[in-house]
Protein backbone atom coordinates (compact mmCIF):
# COMPACT_ATOMS: atom_id res chain seq x y z
CA MET A 1 0.00 0.00 0.00
CA THR A 2 1.36 3.42 -0.94
CA THR A 3 0.69 6.64 0.83
CA ILE A 4 0.08 9.90 -0.91
CA ASP A 5 1.61 13.03 0.54
CA THR A 6 -1.20 15.53 0.73
CA GLN A 7 0.87 18.29 2.28
CA ARG A 8 0.89 21.35 0.03
CA VAL A 9 4.01 23.35 -0.56
CA ALA A 10 3.54 27.07 -0.02
CA PRO A 11 4.48 29.21 -2.99
CA ALA A 12 7.67 31.19 -2.68
CA ARG A 13 7.34 34.75 -1.48
CA THR A 14 7.92 37.42 -4.07
CA THR A 15 11.00 38.73 -2.30
CA ASP A 16 12.47 35.22 -2.27
CA ARG A 17 11.79 34.93 -5.98
CA VAL A 18 13.51 38.26 -6.68
CA VAL A 19 16.51 37.33 -4.51
CA ALA A 20 16.82 33.96 -6.26
CA ALA A 21 16.58 35.56 -9.70
CA TRP A 22 19.25 38.12 -8.78
CA GLY A 23 21.51 35.46 -7.26
CA ASN A 24 21.29 33.25 -10.34
CA ALA A 25 21.69 36.07 -12.86
CA ARG A 26 24.89 36.32 -14.85
CA PRO A 27 26.98 39.46 -14.34
CA VAL A 28 25.93 40.90 -17.71
CA LEU A 29 22.26 40.52 -16.77
CA LYS A 30 22.87 42.18 -13.40
CA ARG A 31 24.51 45.14 -15.16
CA ALA A 32 21.58 45.32 -17.59
CA VAL A 33 19.10 45.36 -14.70
CA LEU A 34 21.02 48.14 -12.95
CA ALA A 35 21.15 50.14 -16.19
CA ALA A 36 17.41 49.61 -16.67
CA TRP A 37 16.68 50.83 -13.13
CA VAL A 38 18.69 53.99 -13.84
CA THR A 39 16.96 54.42 -17.20
CA ALA A 40 13.54 54.08 -15.58
CA THR A 41 14.30 56.77 -13.05
CA ALA A 42 15.84 59.03 -15.70
CA LEU A 43 12.79 58.70 -17.96
CA CYS A 44 10.58 60.15 -15.25
CA THR A 45 12.40 63.47 -15.52
CA ALA A 46 12.06 63.67 -19.30
CA VAL A 47 8.45 62.81 -20.08
CA PRO A 48 5.87 65.56 -20.59
CA ALA A 49 3.46 64.59 -17.82
CA PRO A 50 2.18 65.88 -14.49
CA THR A 51 4.64 65.42 -11.62
CA PRO A 52 2.71 62.57 -9.92
CA VAL A 53 2.63 60.65 -13.20
CA ARG A 54 6.38 61.19 -13.58
CA TRP A 55 7.01 59.74 -10.12
CA SER A 56 4.78 56.77 -10.90
CA ILE A 57 6.80 56.18 -14.08
CA ALA A 58 9.99 55.88 -12.04
CA VAL A 59 8.37 53.42 -9.62
CA VAL A 60 6.67 51.41 -12.37
CA GLY A 61 9.89 51.18 -14.37
CA VAL A 62 11.86 49.81 -11.44
CA ILE A 63 9.11 47.31 -10.57
CA LEU A 64 8.77 46.15 -14.20
CA VAL A 65 12.53 45.63 -14.49
CA THR A 66 12.44 43.56 -11.32
CA ALA A 67 9.51 41.51 -12.64
CA ALA A 68 11.38 41.00 -15.93
CA LEU A 69 14.39 39.71 -14.00
CA VAL A 70 12.19 37.10 -12.31
CA ASP A 71 10.68 36.26 -15.71
CA VAL A 72 14.15 35.56 -17.11
CA HIS A 73 14.85 33.25 -14.18
CA GLU A 74 11.48 31.45 -13.87
CA HIS A 75 9.62 32.16 -17.13
CA MET A 76 6.85 33.52 -14.93
CA LEU A 77 5.98 37.07 -13.96
CA PRO A 78 5.16 37.68 -10.27
CA ASN A 79 1.56 38.83 -9.85
CA ARG A 80 2.38 40.86 -6.75
CA LEU A 81 4.99 42.92 -8.56
CA LEU A 82 2.60 43.56 -11.43
CA LEU A 83 -0.12 44.56 -8.99
CA GLY A 84 2.32 46.89 -7.24
CA ALA A 85 3.19 48.49 -10.58
CA LEU A 86 -0.49 48.92 -11.45
CA LEU A 87 -1.14 50.49 -8.04
CA ALA A 88 1.76 52.90 -8.64
CA VAL A 89 0.21 53.91 -11.98
CA GLY A 90 -3.15 54.37 -10.27
CA ALA A 91 -1.64 56.48 -7.50
CA GLY A 92 0.11 58.72 -10.02
CA VAL A 93 -3.07 59.14 -12.05
CA LEU A 94 -5.18 59.90 -8.96
CA MET A 95 -2.69 62.42 -7.62
CA ALA A 96 -2.55 64.13 -11.02
CA SER A 97 -6.24 64.96 -10.52
CA SER A 98 -6.90 65.01 -14.24
CA ALA A 99 -9.81 63.23 -15.88
CA ALA A 100 -7.96 63.26 -19.20
CA VAL A 101 -4.94 61.46 -17.68
CA ALA A 102 -7.25 58.90 -16.04
CA VAL A 103 -9.05 58.23 -19.32
CA THR A 104 -5.87 57.87 -21.38
CA ALA A 105 -4.28 55.60 -18.74
CA THR A 106 -7.37 53.38 -18.77
CA ILE A 107 -7.48 53.26 -22.55
CA GLY A 108 -3.76 52.53 -22.60
CA MET A 109 -4.26 49.63 -20.19
CA LEU A 110 -7.05 48.22 -22.35
CA LEU A 111 -5.00 48.65 -25.53
CA GLY A 112 -1.83 47.12 -24.10
CA GLY A 113 -3.54 44.28 -22.29
CA GLY A 114 -6.00 43.72 -25.12
CA LEU A 115 -3.32 43.43 -27.78
CA MET A 116 -1.40 40.95 -25.67
CA LEU A 117 -4.60 39.07 -24.83
CA LEU A 118 -5.10 38.43 -28.55
CA VAL A 119 -1.65 36.84 -28.63
CA HIS A 120 -2.46 34.86 -25.48
CA LEU A 121 -5.57 33.43 -27.12
CA THR A 122 -3.34 31.89 -29.79
CA ARG A 123 -1.26 30.38 -26.97
CA GLY A 124 1.62 32.68 -27.83
CA VAL A 125 2.16 34.17 -24.36
CA GLY A 126 1.07 33.57 -20.80
CA MET A 127 -1.39 35.56 -18.70
CA GLY A 128 1.45 37.20 -16.81
CA ASP A 129 2.55 38.78 -20.08
CA VAL A 130 -1.00 40.01 -20.65
CA LYS A 131 -1.06 41.57 -17.18
CA MET A 132 2.33 43.21 -17.67
CA ALA A 133 1.24 44.56 -21.06
CA GLY A 134 -1.79 46.10 -19.35
CA VAL A 135 0.45 47.80 -16.78
CA VAL A 136 2.78 49.00 -19.54
CA GLY A 137 -0.19 50.38 -21.48
CA ALA A 138 -1.58 52.18 -18.42
CA SER A 139 1.78 53.67 -17.52
CA VAL A 140 2.62 55.01 -20.97
CA GLY A 141 -1.02 55.85 -21.68
CA ALA A 142 -0.98 58.25 -18.73
CA VAL A 143 1.60 60.22 -20.72
CA GLU A 144 0.36 59.78 -24.29
CA ILE A 145 -2.36 57.45 -25.58
CA ASN A 146 -0.42 56.69 -28.77
CA ALA A 147 2.43 55.31 -26.69
CA ALA A 148 0.50 52.20 -25.60
CA PRO A 149 0.31 50.42 -28.97
CA VAL A 150 3.83 51.60 -29.77
CA ALA A 151 5.14 50.01 -26.56
CA ILE A 152 3.50 46.68 -27.39
CA ALA A 153 4.68 46.79 -31.01
CA VAL A 154 8.26 47.52 -29.94
CA ALA A 155 8.07 44.70 -27.37
CA ALA A 156 6.80 42.26 -30.01
CA LEU A 157 9.53 43.27 -32.44
CA ALA A 158 12.22 43.00 -29.75
CA ALA A 159 11.02 39.57 -28.60
CA ALA A 160 10.72 38.25 -32.16
CA THR A 161 14.18 39.53 -33.09
CA TYR A 162 15.77 38.03 -29.99
CA GLY A 163 13.94 34.74 -30.57
CA LEU A 164 15.21 34.55 -34.16
CA LEU A 165 18.78 35.46 -33.27
CA ALA A 166 18.91 33.10 -30.29
CA ARG A 167 16.96 30.42 -32.22
CA ARG A 168 14.54 30.01 -29.35
CA GLN A 169 10.80 29.60 -29.50
CA ARG A 170 10.11 29.93 -25.78
CA LEU A 171 11.46 33.04 -24.15
CA PRO A 172 10.51 35.43 -21.37
CA ILE A 173 8.51 38.39 -22.70
CA GLY A 174 8.93 40.56 -19.58
CA PRO A 175 12.25 42.11 -20.69
CA ALA A 176 10.81 42.93 -24.13
CA LEU A 177 7.75 44.55 -22.54
CA TRP A 178 9.98 46.68 -20.34
CA PHE A 179 12.02 47.66 -23.42
CA GLY A 180 8.84 48.64 -25.28
CA TRP A 181 7.78 50.68 -22.23
CA ALA A 182 11.12 52.52 -22.16
CA VAL A 183 11.26 53.15 -25.92
CA SER A 184 7.72 54.52 -26.05
CA LEU A 185 8.39 56.84 -23.10
CA ALA A 186 11.64 58.02 -24.69
CA ALA A 187 9.67 58.72 -27.88
CA CYS A 188 7.18 60.74 -25.80
CA ALA A 189 10.05 62.68 -24.21
CA ALA A 190 11.46 63.42 -27.68
CA GLY A 191 8.05 64.63 -28.86
CA TRP A 192 7.65 61.89 -31.48
CA LEU A 193 4.31 60.56 -30.20
CA THR A 194 2.22 63.68 -29.79
């Protein structure tokens, strides 16, 4: 007679997941993450947006980079980090006290998440990628509505290019989504998406 172990293993805490991802990252990836954190905080000073939205951009960028690091390590995006990033966007939008910013952030979230949901329905990406795309869309949409589809398009192009060059079919999309986020915000700062 065999016994079945019915004890459930508790999922790892988000901080443990981040620490493990950082500890297992190669030095080049660690330098890329540090550069991305600096880029995220620098972008907040350059975008044409109300001050609370700028601060939320810095926070969201750092959180999304951290989530992307975990995605590289586990091929799974942490829900709690994505929720934290969405709450940061929401706080920035609320503190901006602008109906127009709230509307464009919401539309951006629907555009970003909706575009990625279409890919998910073809089994191309996971739900974590859909959630992160929604956060990306909300964050850049708070600055400029046109930035949301641009961010997703840049992310798709970056992921496809990397997949072709690395000859991989399964890859983490989190880093590409962060890259699309950064490129679209840089385009906003340069005045290309107005």
